[in-house]
Amino acid sequence: MDSRRIYRHFCMMARTLEVVGERWSLLIVRDLLLGPRRFTDLIRSLNEITPTRLTDRLRQLEAAGLVVREPLSAGREVWYRLTDSGRDLGPVVEALTMWGIDYRLEPPRPGEPVRPEPVMIGTKVWLSRYAHVAHPVSWVWHFAPDDPYTVRFDMGLWALARGSSEAAAVMITSSPETWARFLTTKREKRQLPEEDIRLEGKPKAIKEFAGAFAANLRSA
């Protein structure tokens, strides 16, 4: 480990930050929480990171036992995935996201890329803190051309996964930026469906979905 990254006093939080406290490290973990990603996927998601910097951060996370490379087949790109200890950082990512929702809630800045993963992690964290749903339910977001994302509520817990669900009560079609703007709108001003946010489902299910986000339901 680089000696410049060592805090040189006893503290288990400091030990953690020595591993994941550098710029980009936790964001790489964030982007791997929903499953393995290729190097090119990470470059695209992280936007301004350089290939050299990403390579360096991935090597550091590998050395710390948080990330491993998937076995490489001939002619295929390398995939990276989290180890058990890497996945155990999920609550840390969610706690920091929740802090941002509570104290730094703001819409995307002009020209700022908006990628589905962080938007959907923010959605799941928001629901975990604020939504009140009385029964199991699944909702699916479509952000073309990206893969769909499913948020499920069951046994008192919210879960997020990449992919669709045939049991979805509501299908949401939008862009990541539009959904991020909705999520960062003050609750008293939220309305659904909005322009560029299309909802498909039974009226009762759509009403429940809007209620989970404290949004007023527009008349059809």
C-alpha atoms as a PDB file:
ATOM      1  CA  MET A   1       0.000   0.000   0.000  1.00  0.00           C
ATOM      2  CA  ASP A   2       1.180   3.496  -0.858  1.00  0.00           C
ATOM      3  CA  SER A   3       2.524   5.039   2.356  1.00  0.00           C
ATOM      4  CA  ARG A   4       0.871   8.346   1.447  1.00  0.00           C
ATOM      5  CA  ARG A   5      -2.537   6.686   1.882  1.00  0.00           C
ATOM      6  CA  ILE A   6      -1.891   5.506   5.451  1.00  0.00           C
ATOM      7  CA  TYR A   7      -3.305   7.651   8.267  1.00  0.00           C
ATOM      8  CA  ARG A   8      -0.842   6.376  10.902  1.00  0.00           C
ATOM      9  CA  HIS A   9      -3.193   6.230  13.855  1.00  0.00           C
ATOM     10  CA  PHE A  10      -5.504   3.493  15.077  1.00  0.00           C
ATOM     11  CA  CYS A  11      -9.059   3.795  13.802  1.00  0.00           C
ATOM     12  CA  MET A  12     -11.069   1.165  11.937  1.00  0.00           C
ATOM     13  CA  MET A  13     -12.703   3.854   9.809  1.00  0.00           C
ATOM     14  CA  ALA A  14      -9.223   5.065   8.861  1.00  0.00           C
ATOM     15  CA  ARG A  15      -8.305   1.486   7.927  1.00  0.00           C
ATOM     16  CA  THR A  16     -11.327   1.395   5.621  1.00  0.00           C
ATOM     17  CA  LEU A  17     -10.502   4.748   4.033  1.00  0.00           C
ATOM     18  CA  GLU A  18      -6.967   3.579   3.372  1.00  0.00           C
ATOM     19  CA  VAL A  19      -8.536   1.021   1.027  1.00  0.00           C
ATOM     20  CA  VAL A  20     -11.549   2.807  -0.489  1.00  0.00           C
ATOM     21  CA  GLY A  21     -11.056   6.466   0.402  1.00  0.00           C
ATOM     22  CA  GLU A  22      -9.310   7.544  -2.779  1.00  0.00           C
ATOM     23  CA  ARG A  23     -11.246   9.313  -5.518  1.00  0.00           C
ATOM     24  CA  TRP A  24     -13.226   6.908  -7.749  1.00  0.00           C
ATOM     25  CA  SER A  25     -12.752   3.807  -5.555  1.00  0.00           C
ATOM     26  CA  LEU A  26     -16.191   3.784  -3.926  1.00  0.00           C
ATOM     27  CA  LEU A  27     -17.816   4.784  -7.208  1.00  0.00           C
ATOM     28  CA  ILE A  28     -16.285   1.709  -8.840  1.00  0.00           C
ATOM     29  CA  VAL A  29     -17.726  -0.369  -6.014  1.00  0.00           C
ATOM     30  CA  ARG A  30     -21.091   1.353  -6.570  1.00  0.00           C
ATOM     31  CA  ASP A  31     -21.091   0.418 -10.248  1.00  0.00           C
ATOM     32  CA  LEU A  32     -20.248  -3.214  -9.495  1.00  0.00           C
ATOM     33  CA  LEU A  33     -22.914  -3.706  -6.822  1.00  0.00           C
ATOM     34  CA  LEU A  34     -25.503  -4.848  -9.379  1.00  0.00           C
ATOM     35  CA  GLY A  35     -23.201  -7.389 -10.993  1.00  0.00           C
ATOM     36  CA  PRO A  36     -20.032  -7.762 -13.080  1.00  0.00           C
ATOM     37  CA  ARG A  37     -19.073  -5.002 -15.521  1.00  0.00           C
ATOM     38  CA  ARG A  38     -16.513  -4.683 -18.272  1.00  0.00           C
ATOM     39  CA  PHE A  39     -13.716  -2.131 -18.244  1.00  0.00           C
ATOM     40  CA  THR A  40     -15.526  -0.243 -21.024  1.00  0.00           C
ATOM     41  CA  ASP A  41     -18.758  -0.231 -18.982  1.00  0.00           C
ATOM     42  CA  LEU A  42     -16.944   1.363 -16.059  1.00  0.00           C
ATOM     43  CA  ILE A  43     -15.259   3.970 -18.266  1.00  0.00           C
ATOM     44  CA  ARG A  44     -18.661   4.906 -19.702  1.00  0.00           C
ATOM     45  CA  SER A  45     -20.366   5.075 -16.319  1.00  0.00           C
ATOM     46  CA  LEU A  46     -17.659   7.018 -14.509  1.00  0.00           C
ATOM     47  CA  ASN A  47     -17.392   9.484 -17.408  1.00  0.00           C
ATOM     48  CA  GLU A  48     -14.305  11.579 -16.598  1.00  0.00           C
ATOM     49  CA  ILE A  49     -12.027   8.866 -15.256  1.00  0.00           C
ATOM     50  CA  THR A  50      -9.078   8.104 -17.532  1.00  0.00           C
ATOM     51  CA  PRO A  51      -8.270   4.505 -18.553  1.00  0.00           C
ATOM     52  CA  THR A  52      -4.966   4.777 -16.686  1.00  0.00           C
ATOM     53  CA  ARG A  53      -6.651   5.947 -13.489  1.00  0.00           C
ATOM     54  CA  LEU A  54      -9.335   3.265 -13.735  1.00  0.00           C
ATOM     55  CA  THR A  55      -6.704   0.578 -14.247  1.00  0.00           C
ATOM     56  CA  ASP A  56      -4.841   1.848 -11.184  1.00  0.00           C
ATOM     57  CA  ARG A  57      -7.968   1.892  -9.010  1.00  0.00           C
ATOM     58  CA  LEU A  58      -9.044  -1.577 -10.130  1.00  0.00           C
ATOM     59  CA  ARG A  59      -5.588  -2.953  -9.311  1.00  0.00           C
ATOM     60  CA  GLN A  60      -5.765  -1.382  -5.851  1.00  0.00           C
ATOM     61  CA  LEU A  61      -9.222  -2.871  -5.228  1.00  0.00           C
ATOM     62  CA  GLU A  62      -8.025  -6.254  -6.492  1.00  0.00           C
ATOM     63  CA  ALA A  63      -4.986  -6.131  -4.206  1.00  0.00           C
ATOM     64  CA  ALA A  64      -7.283  -5.328  -1.274  1.00  0.00           C
ATOM     65  CA  GLY A  65      -9.481  -8.327  -2.086  1.00  0.00           C
ATOM     66  CA  LEU A  66     -12.567  -6.288  -2.997  1.00  0.00           C
ATOM     67  CA  VAL A  67     -12.624  -6.936  -6.746  1.00  0.00           C
ATOM     68  CA  VAL A  68     -11.700  -9.934  -8.901  1.00  0.00           C
ATOM     69  CA  ARG A  69     -11.516 -10.463 -12.637  1.00  0.00           C
ATOM     70  CA  GLU A  70     -13.843 -12.948 -14.223  1.00  0.00           C
ATOM     71  CA  PRO A  71     -12.069 -15.843 -15.982  1.00  0.00           C
ATOM     72  CA  LEU A  72     -11.185 -14.583 -19.434  1.00  0.00           C
ATOM     73  CA  SER A  73     -12.253 -16.483 -22.535  1.00  0.00           C
ATOM     74  CA  ALA A  74     -10.365 -16.058 -25.794  1.00  0.00           C
ATOM     75  CA  GLY A  75     -11.391 -12.924 -27.637  1.00  0.00           C
ATOM     76  CA  ARG A  76     -13.558 -11.558 -24.829  1.00  0.00           C
ATOM     77  CA  GLU A  77     -13.196  -8.460 -22.685  1.00  0.00           C
ATOM     78  CA  VAL A  78     -12.288  -8.736 -19.022  1.00  0.00           C
ATOM     79  CA  TRP A  79     -15.206  -8.529 -16.596  1.00  0.00           C
ATOM     80  CA  TYR A  80     -14.802  -7.314 -13.020  1.00  0.00           C
ATOM     81  CA  ARG A  81     -16.955  -8.330 -10.076  1.00  0.00           C
ATOM     82  CA  LEU A  82     -17.052  -7.681  -6.347  1.00  0.00           C
ATOM     83  CA  THR A  83     -15.952 -10.240  -3.813  1.00  0.00           C
ATOM     84  CA  ASP A  84     -17.984 -10.838  -0.663  1.00  0.00           C
ATOM     85  CA  SER A  85     -16.021  -8.122   1.125  1.00  0.00           C
ATOM     86  CA  GLY A  86     -16.633  -5.757  -1.777  1.00  0.00           C
ATOM     87  CA  ARG A  87     -20.384  -6.423  -1.702  1.00  0.00           C
ATOM     88  CA  ASP A  88     -20.364  -5.767   2.028  1.00  0.00           C
ATOM     89  CA  LEU A  89     -19.618  -2.138   1.162  1.00  0.00           C
ATOM     90  CA  GLY A  90     -23.158  -1.881  -0.238  1.00  0.00           C
ATOM     91  CA  PRO A  91     -24.571  -0.380   2.981  1.00  0.00           C
ATOM     92  CA  VAL A  92     -21.748   2.190   2.958  1.00  0.00           C
ATOM     93  CA  VAL A  93     -22.656   3.262  -0.578  1.00  0.00           C
ATOM     94  CA  GLU A  94     -26.325   3.454   0.382  1.00  0.00           C
ATOM     95  CA  ALA A  95     -25.609   5.415   3.562  1.00  0.00           C
ATOM     96  CA  LEU A  96     -23.608   8.003   1.604  1.00  0.00           C
ATOM     97  CA  THR A  97     -26.378   8.155  -0.994  1.00  0.00           C
ATOM     98  CA  MET A  98     -28.951   8.727   1.760  1.00  0.00           C
ATOM     99  CA  TRP A  99     -26.841  11.519   3.213  1.00  0.00           C
ATOM    100  CA  GLY A 100     -26.765  13.127  -0.229  1.00  0.00           C
ATOM    101  CA  ILE A 101     -30.550  12.831  -0.490  1.00  0.00           C
ATOM    102  CA  ASP A 102     -31.003  14.407   2.948  1.00  0.00           C
ATOM    103  CA  TYR A 103     -28.430  17.194   2.678  1.00  0.00           C
ATOM    104  CA  ARG A 104     -27.279  17.683  -0.932  1.00  0.00           C
ATOM    105  CA  LEU A 105     -30.422  17.044  -2.948  1.00  0.00           C
ATOM    106  CA  GLU A 106     -30.123  18.832  -6.266  1.00  0.00           C
ATOM    107  CA  PRO A 107     -31.017  18.016  -9.884  1.00  0.00           C
ATOM    108  CA  PRO A 108     -28.416  17.145 -12.518  1.00  0.00           C
ATOM    109  CA  ARG A 109     -26.230  20.098 -13.387  1.00  0.00           C
ATOM    110  CA  PRO A 110     -26.192  21.462 -16.969  1.00  0.00           C
ATOM    111  CA  GLY A 111     -24.172  19.166 -19.216  1.00  0.00           C
ATOM    112  CA  GLU A 112     -23.694  16.588 -16.461  1.00  0.00           C
ATOM    113  CA  PRO A 113     -24.054  12.972 -17.705  1.00  0.00           C
ATOM    114  CA  VAL A 114     -26.684  10.948 -15.866  1.00  0.00           C
ATOM    115  CA  ARG A 115     -26.198   7.183 -15.822  1.00  0.00           C
ATOM    116  CA  PRO A 116     -28.848   4.625 -14.788  1.00  0.00           C
ATOM    117  CA  GLU A 117     -26.921   2.862 -11.976  1.00  0.00           C
ATOM    118  CA  PRO A 118     -26.526   5.804  -9.573  1.00  0.00           C
ATOM    119  CA  VAL A 119     -30.025   7.046 -10.376  1.00  0.00           C
ATOM    120  CA  MET A 120     -31.541   3.661  -9.545  1.00  0.00           C
ATOM    121  CA  ILE A 121     -29.432   3.226  -6.416  1.00  0.00           C
ATOM    122  CA  GLY A 122     -30.743   6.621  -5.319  1.00  0.00           C
ATOM    123  CA  THR A 123     -34.288   5.477  -6.130  1.00  0.00           C
ATOM    124  CA  LYS A 124     -33.948   2.325  -4.050  1.00  0.00           C
ATOM    125  CA  VAL A 125     -32.393   4.232  -1.143  1.00  0.00           C
ATOM    126  CA  TRP A 126     -35.135   6.888  -1.268  1.00  0.00           C
ATOM    127  CA  LEU A 127     -37.821   4.201  -1.174  1.00  0.00           C
ATOM    128  CA  SER A 128     -36.094   2.417   1.710  1.00  0.00           C
ATOM    129  CA  ARG A 129     -36.193   5.591   3.790  1.00  0.00           C
ATOM    130  CA  TYR A 130     -39.495   7.196   2.832  1.00  0.00           C
ATOM    131  CA  ALA A 131     -41.902   4.839   1.035  1.00  0.00           C
ATOM    132  CA  HIS A 132     -44.748   3.028   2.779  1.00  0.00           C
ATOM    133  CA  VAL A 133     -45.982  -0.035   0.882  1.00  0.00           C
ATOM    134  CA  ALA A 134     -48.199  -2.645   2.519  1.00  0.00           C
ATOM    135  CA  HIS A 135     -47.508  -5.699   0.330  1.00  0.00           C
ATOM    136  CA  PRO A 136     -44.863  -7.218  -1.978  1.00  0.00           C
ATOM    137  CA  VAL A 137     -44.510  -5.377  -5.263  1.00  0.00           C
ATOM    138  CA  SER A 138     -42.168  -5.078  -8.260  1.00  0.00           C
ATOM    139  CA  TRP A 139     -41.612  -2.062 -10.501  1.00  0.00           C
ATOM    140  CA  VAL A 140     -39.485  -2.000 -13.664  1.00  0.00           C
ATOM    141  CA  TRP A 141     -37.709   1.027 -15.147  1.00  0.00           C
ATOM    142  CA  HIS A 142     -36.773   1.128 -18.843  1.00  0.00           C
ATOM    143  CA  PHE A 143     -33.991   3.513 -19.861  1.00  0.00           C
ATOM    144  CA  ALA A 144     -33.427   2.771 -23.551  1.00  0.00           C
ATOM    145  CA  PRO A 145     -30.958   1.690 -24.817  1.00  0.00           C
ATOM    146  CA  ASP A 146     -29.715   0.511 -21.401  1.00  0.00           C
ATOM    147  CA  ASP A 147     -30.868  -2.632 -19.633  1.00  0.00           C
ATOM    148  CA  PRO A 148     -34.030  -2.378 -17.512  1.00  0.00           C
ATOM    149  CA  TYR A 149     -33.896  -2.229 -13.722  1.00  0.00           C
ATOM    150  CA  THR A 150     -36.272  -3.841 -11.241  1.00  0.00           C
ATOM    151  CA  VAL A 151     -37.035  -2.578  -7.749  1.00  0.00           C
ATOM    152  CA  ARG A 152     -38.804  -5.082  -5.490  1.00  0.00           C
ATOM    153  CA  PHE A 153     -40.382  -4.726  -2.074  1.00  0.00           C
ATOM    154  CA  ASP A 154     -40.806  -7.900  -0.032  1.00  0.00           C
ATOM    155  CA  MET A 155     -40.515  -8.902   3.614  1.00  0.00           C
ATOM    156  CA  GLY A 156     -40.120  -5.264   4.603  1.00  0.00           C
ATOM    157  CA  LEU A 157     -37.052  -4.697   2.402  1.00  0.00           C
ATOM    158  CA  TRP A 158     -36.396  -2.972  -0.922  1.00  0.00           C
ATOM    159  CA  ALA A 159     -34.060  -4.621  -3.446  1.00  0.00           C
ATOM    160  CA  LEU A 160     -32.625  -3.409  -6.738  1.00  0.00           C
ATOM    161  CA  ALA A 161     -31.514  -5.616  -9.622  1.00  0.00           C
ATOM    162  CA  ARG A 162     -30.505  -5.197 -13.229  1.00  0.00           C
ATOM    163  CA  GLY A 163     -33.052  -6.793 -15.552  1.00  0.00           C
ATOM    164  CA  SER A 164     -36.808  -6.996 -15.968  1.00  0.00           C
ATOM    165  CA  SER A 165     -39.583  -8.819 -14.104  1.00  0.00           C
ATOM    166  CA  GLU A 166     -42.682 -10.413 -15.598  1.00  0.00           C
ATOM    167  CA  ALA A 167     -44.492  -9.721 -12.330  1.00  0.00           C
ATOM    168  CA  ALA A 168     -44.019  -5.955 -12.527  1.00  0.00           C
ATOM    169  CA  ALA A 169     -47.063  -4.029 -11.304  1.00  0.00           C
ATOM    170  CA  VAL A 170     -45.873  -0.819 -12.999  1.00  0.00           C
ATOM    171  CA  MET A 171     -43.534  -0.273 -15.949  1.00  0.00           C
ATOM    172  CA  ILE A 172     -41.775   3.096 -16.030  1.00  0.00           C
ATOM    173  CA  THR A 173     -40.314   4.398 -19.292  1.00  0.00           C
ATOM    174  CA  SER A 174     -38.081   7.433 -19.025  1.00  0.00           C
ATOM    175  CA  SER A 175     -34.531   8.662 -19.415  1.00  0.00           C
ATOM    176  CA  PRO A 176     -32.063   8.600 -16.513  1.00  0.00           C
ATOM    177  CA  GLU A 177     -31.887  12.412 -16.529  1.00  0.00           C
ATOM    178  CA  THR A 178     -35.667  12.854 -16.484  1.00  0.00           C
ATOM    179  CA  TRP A 179     -36.071  10.363 -13.642  1.00  0.00           C
ATOM    180  CA  ALA A 180     -33.210  12.009 -11.710  1.00  0.00           C
ATOM    181  CA  ARG A 181     -34.945  15.381 -12.065  1.00  0.00           C
ATOM    182  CA  PHE A 182     -38.180  13.875 -10.777  1.00  0.00           C
ATOM    183  CA  LEU A 183     -36.428  12.234  -7.828  1.00  0.00           C
ATOM    184  CA  THR A 184     -34.733  15.499  -6.860  1.00  0.00           C
ATOM    185  CA  THR A 185     -37.941  17.556  -7.111  1.00  0.00           C
ATOM    186  CA  LYS A 186     -39.378  18.653  -3.776  1.00  0.00           C
ATOM    187  CA  ARG A 187     -42.051  16.191  -2.743  1.00  0.00           C
ATOM    188  CA  GLU A 188     -44.828  18.768  -2.602  1.00  0.00           C
ATOM    189  CA  LYS A 189     -44.182  19.589  -6.284  1.00  0.00           C
ATOM    190  CA  ARG A 190     -43.955  16.045  -7.637  1.00  0.00           C
ATOM    191  CA  GLN A 191     -46.569  14.889 -10.120  1.00  0.00           C
ATOM    192  CA  LEU A 192     -46.957  11.631 -12.082  1.00  0.00           C
ATOM    193  CA  PRO A 193     -47.112  10.820 -14.873  1.00  0.00           C
ATOM    194  CA  GLU A 194     -44.821  13.650 -15.981  1.00  0.00           C
ATOM    195  CA  GLU A 195     -43.760  14.650 -19.437  1.00  0.00           C
ATOM    196  CA  ASP A 196     -41.243  12.014 -20.592  1.00  0.00           C
ATOM    197  CA  ILE A 197     -42.175   9.657 -17.743  1.00  0.00           C
ATOM    198  CA  ARG A 198     -44.630   7.037 -18.990  1.00  0.00           C
ATOM    199  CA  LEU A 199     -46.333   4.662 -16.551  1.00  0.00           C
ATOM    200  CA  GLU A 200     -47.981   1.391 -17.546  1.00  0.00           C
ATOM    201  CA  GLY A 201     -50.080  -0.637 -15.133  1.00  0.00           C
ATOM    202  CA  LYS A 202     -53.498  -0.868 -13.563  1.00  0.00           C
ATOM    203  CA  PRO A 203     -54.842   2.408 -12.144  1.00  0.00           C
ATOM    204  CA  LYS A 204     -54.622   1.124  -8.567  1.00  0.00           C
ATOM    205  CA  ALA A 205     -51.008   0.038  -9.060  1.00  0.00           C
ATOM    206  CA  ILE A 206     -50.068   3.387 -10.608  1.00  0.00           C
ATOM    207  CA  LYS A 207     -51.728   5.225  -7.735  1.00  0.00           C
ATOM    208  CA  GLU A 208     -49.718   3.145  -5.251  1.00  0.00           C
ATOM    209  CA  PHE A 209     -46.520   3.817  -7.201  1.00  0.00           C
ATOM    210  CA  ALA A 210     -47.124   7.571  -7.201  1.00  0.00           C
ATOM    211  CA  GLY A 211     -47.906   7.465  -3.491  1.00  0.00           C
ATOM    212  CA  ALA A 212     -44.638   5.689  -2.741  1.00  0.00           C
ATOM    213  CA  PHE A 213     -42.817   8.709  -4.182  1.00  0.00           C
ATOM    214  CA  ALA A 214     -45.138  11.219  -2.478  1.00  0.00           C
ATOM    215  CA  ALA A 215     -46.213  12.420  -5.926  1.00  0.00           C
ATOM    216  CA  ASN A 216     -49.601  13.801  -6.872  1.00  0.00           C
ATOM    217  CA  LEU A 217     -51.311  11.681  -9.498  1.00  0.00           C
ATOM    218  CA  ARG A 218     -52.401  13.601 -12.570  1.00  0.00           C
ATOM    219  CA  SER A 219     -55.850  12.934 -13.961  1.00  0.00           C
ATOM    220  CA  ALA A 220     -55.870  10.823 -17.117  1.00  0.00           C
END
